[in-house]
Amino acid sequence: MTKTIRILGIDPGSRLTGFAILDFEGDKAIYVASGTVKSITGEFNDRLREIFEAVRNLVEEFEPQVVSIESIFVHRSASSALKLGHARSAAICATFGYDIDVYEYAPREIKQAIVGTGAATKEQVQHMVMSLLSLEGRPAPDAADALATALCHGFQRRLRSVLGEKVGGARRR
């Protein structure tokens, strides 16, 4: 009998944070839920609180065993990376107090695992997520990125269990 593992995938953002819930039964990924936390109004601290509370509510409702989150990268500026880091921290802190392992993956690593190239576009990620999960509709870009993050961990987890060692760049927090 294969044990089901529930993964919460998070694509952090200071205004839009994507989330995804997937169940993995062995190699099979099963879509549960996905969406976007919109924290677009108010002061920055209020937006961080909104992310924190939304992720905490997701953890309480869906009870994941694992959180898979995208790591920080510098895209436009150091200021943007700092804000992304704050949003990411708010999401991770929301899991404290629960028995959940948190893993982080670099954006290029996620794209490589899902599309086959670390330079994939958002549209390519959306397309592959739809294909891998047999989704009928196209998820929003941030939700698709969160789904890809959860899928990446599920695939890496399976590889580690087969090989009996750490694979890829996943880092447990």
Protein backbone atom coordinates (compact mmCIF):
# COMPACT_ATOMS: atom_id res chain seq x y z
CA MET A 1 0.00 0.00 0.00
CA THR A 2 1.42 3.38 -1.05
CA LYS A 3 1.35 6.18 1.48
CA THR A 4 -0.15 9.46 0.30
CA ILE A 5 1.98 12.56 0.85
CA ARG A 6 0.30 15.97 0.73
CA ILE A 7 2.48 18.84 -0.50
CA LEU A 8 1.78 22.56 -0.21
CA GLY A 9 3.62 24.35 -3.02
CA ILE A 10 4.24 28.08 -2.62
CA ASP A 11 5.37 30.66 -5.17
CA PRO A 12 6.01 33.66 -2.90
CA GLY A 13 5.40 37.24 -3.94
CA SER A 14 4.84 40.48 -2.07
CA ARG A 15 1.63 41.15 -4.04
CA LEU A 16 0.65 37.77 -5.50
CA THR A 17 1.56 34.50 -3.76
CA GLY A 18 0.66 31.33 -5.60
CA PHE A 19 -0.31 28.22 -3.67
CA ALA A 20 -1.00 24.62 -4.63
CA ILE A 21 -2.05 21.48 -2.83
CA LEU A 22 -1.07 18.16 -4.41
CA ASP A 23 -1.31 14.61 -3.14
CA PHE A 24 1.36 12.17 -4.25
CA GLU A 25 0.53 8.47 -4.26
CA GLY A 26 3.83 6.92 -5.30
CA ASP A 27 4.60 8.46 -8.70
CA LYS A 28 1.10 9.78 -9.25
CA ALA A 29 0.40 13.47 -8.58
CA ILE A 30 -3.22 14.28 -7.76
CA TYR A 31 -4.50 17.86 -7.95
CA VAL A 32 -6.34 19.02 -4.82
CA ALA A 33 -6.43 22.83 -4.98
CA SER A 34 -4.56 25.91 -6.16
CA GLY A 35 -4.94 29.65 -6.31
CA THR A 36 -3.42 33.00 -5.56
CA VAL A 37 -3.24 35.02 -2.36
CA LYS A 38 -3.70 38.63 -3.41
CA SER A 39 -2.03 41.08 -1.06
CA ILE A 40 -2.10 44.11 -3.29
CA THR A 41 -3.48 46.83 -1.03
CA GLY A 42 -2.32 48.38 2.21
CA GLU A 43 1.03 48.90 3.83
CA PHE A 44 3.76 46.33 3.28
CA ASN A 45 3.42 44.92 6.83
CA ASP A 46 -0.33 44.45 6.28
CA ARG A 47 0.38 42.56 3.05
CA LEU A 48 2.86 40.31 4.87
CA ARG A 49 0.25 39.61 7.54
CA GLU A 50 -2.23 38.68 4.81
CA ILE A 51 0.25 36.17 3.32
CA PHE A 52 1.00 34.74 6.78
CA GLU A 53 -2.68 34.28 7.64
CA ALA A 54 -3.59 32.83 4.23
CA VAL A 55 -0.81 30.23 4.39
CA ARG A 56 -1.68 29.38 7.99
CA ASN A 57 -5.31 28.85 6.94
CA LEU A 58 -4.18 26.60 4.07
CA VAL A 59 -2.07 24.53 6.48
CA GLU A 60 -4.98 24.18 8.89
CA GLU A 61 -7.49 23.29 6.15
CA PHE A 62 -5.39 20.91 4.03
CA GLU A 63 -2.89 19.53 6.60
CA PRO A 64 0.13 19.09 4.30
CA GLN A 65 3.11 17.02 5.47
CA VAL A 66 5.54 19.00 3.29
CA VAL A 67 5.91 22.58 2.08
CA SER A 68 7.84 23.18 -1.12
CA ILE A 69 8.74 26.82 -1.70
CA GLU A 70 10.64 28.70 -4.37
CA SER A 71 13.92 30.21 -3.17
CA ILE A 72 14.84 33.85 -3.61
CA PHE A 73 16.45 35.14 -6.77
CA VAL A 74 17.50 38.64 -7.77
CA HIS A 75 15.48 39.52 -10.84
CA ARG A 76 14.96 43.26 -11.09
CA SER A 77 16.70 44.76 -8.10
CA ALA A 78 17.98 44.08 -4.62
CA SER A 79 14.92 45.90 -3.25
CA SER A 80 12.58 43.50 -5.09
CA ALA A 81 14.56 40.51 -3.81
CA LEU A 82 14.32 41.84 -0.26
CA LYS A 83 10.52 42.22 -0.52
CA LEU A 84 10.29 38.72 -1.99
CA GLY A 85 12.36 37.46 0.93
CA HIS A 86 9.96 39.04 3.41
CA ALA A 87 6.95 37.47 1.65
CA ARG A 88 8.71 34.11 1.58
CA SER A 89 9.52 34.38 5.29
CA ALA A 90 5.91 35.23 6.13
CA ALA A 91 4.78 32.10 4.29
CA ILE A 92 7.36 29.87 5.97
CA CYS A 93 6.66 31.30 9.44
CA ALA A 94 2.98 30.45 8.96
CA THR A 95 3.96 26.76 9.03
CA PHE A 96 5.73 27.01 12.40
CA GLY A 97 3.89 25.16 15.13
CA TYR A 98 2.86 22.37 12.76
CA ASP A 99 4.76 19.17 12.02
CA ILE A 100 5.71 20.14 8.45
CA ASP A 101 9.00 19.77 6.62
CA VAL A 102 9.90 22.79 4.46
CA TYR A 103 12.02 22.40 1.31
CA GLU A 104 13.21 25.12 -1.03
CA TYR A 105 14.03 24.90 -4.73
CA ALA A 106 15.66 27.40 -7.06
CA PRO A 107 13.43 28.70 -9.89
CA ARG A 108 15.70 27.16 -12.55
CA GLU A 109 15.62 23.81 -10.75
CA ILE A 110 11.80 23.84 -10.71
CA LYS A 111 11.59 24.71 -14.41
CA GLN A 112 14.14 22.00 -15.23
CA ALA A 113 12.10 19.39 -13.34
CA ILE A 114 8.79 20.36 -14.96
CA VAL A 115 9.65 21.56 -18.48
CA GLY A 116 13.10 20.09 -19.04
CA THR A 117 14.91 23.43 -19.24
CA GLY A 118 15.77 25.92 -16.53
CA ALA A 119 15.08 28.76 -18.98
CA ALA A 120 11.40 27.86 -19.50
CA THR A 121 8.83 30.65 -19.82
CA LYS A 122 5.81 31.05 -17.54
CA GLU A 123 3.62 29.89 -20.44
CA GLN A 124 5.67 26.70 -20.83
CA VAL A 125 5.39 26.01 -17.10
CA GLN A 126 1.61 26.55 -17.24
CA HIS A 127 1.29 24.20 -20.22
CA MET A 128 3.33 21.42 -18.61
CA VAL A 129 1.52 21.74 -15.27
CA MET A 130 -1.79 21.42 -17.11
CA SER A 131 -0.50 18.37 -18.97
CA LEU A 132 1.11 16.62 -15.98
CA LEU A 133 -1.97 17.09 -13.78
CA SER A 134 -4.58 16.67 -16.55
CA LEU A 135 -6.12 20.05 -15.69
CA GLU A 136 -8.94 21.29 -17.89
CA GLY A 137 -8.35 24.99 -17.29
CA ARG A 138 -5.21 27.10 -17.33
CA PRO A 139 -4.16 28.08 -13.80
CA ALA A 140 -3.10 31.66 -13.10
CA PRO A 141 0.67 32.16 -13.57
CA ASP A 142 1.43 32.29 -9.82
CA ALA A 143 -0.76 29.25 -9.10
CA ALA A 144 0.95 27.38 -11.97
CA ASP A 145 4.35 28.22 -10.48
CA ALA A 146 3.17 26.91 -7.08
CA LEU A 147 1.90 23.73 -8.75
CA ALA A 148 5.28 23.36 -10.46
CA THR A 149 7.03 23.83 -7.11
CA ALA A 150 4.92 21.09 -5.51
CA LEU A 151 5.47 18.80 -8.51
CA CYS A 152 9.21 19.42 -8.36
CA HIS A 153 9.35 18.29 -4.75
CA GLY A 154 7.19 15.25 -5.47
CA PHE A 155 9.49 14.21 -8.31
CA GLN A 156 12.65 14.88 -6.25
CA ARG A 157 11.20 12.97 -3.29
CA ARG A 158 10.52 9.96 -5.48
CA LEU A 159 14.03 10.10 -6.93
CA ARG A 160 15.57 10.26 -3.45
CA SER A 161 13.56 7.25 -2.32
CA VAL A 162 14.64 5.25 -5.37
CA LEU A 163 18.31 6.27 -5.13
CA GLY A 164 18.43 6.37 -1.34
CA GLU A 165 20.25 9.68 -1.25
CA LYS A 166 19.80 13.43 -1.56
CA VAL A 167 19.13 14.45 -5.16
CA GLY A 168 19.10 17.95 -6.59
CA GLY A 169 19.43 21.20 -4.74
CA ALA A 170 16.56 20.83 -2.29
CA ARG A 171 17.34 22.25 1.08
CA ARG A 172 15.32 21.34 4.13
CA ARG A 173 14.57 24.19 6.49
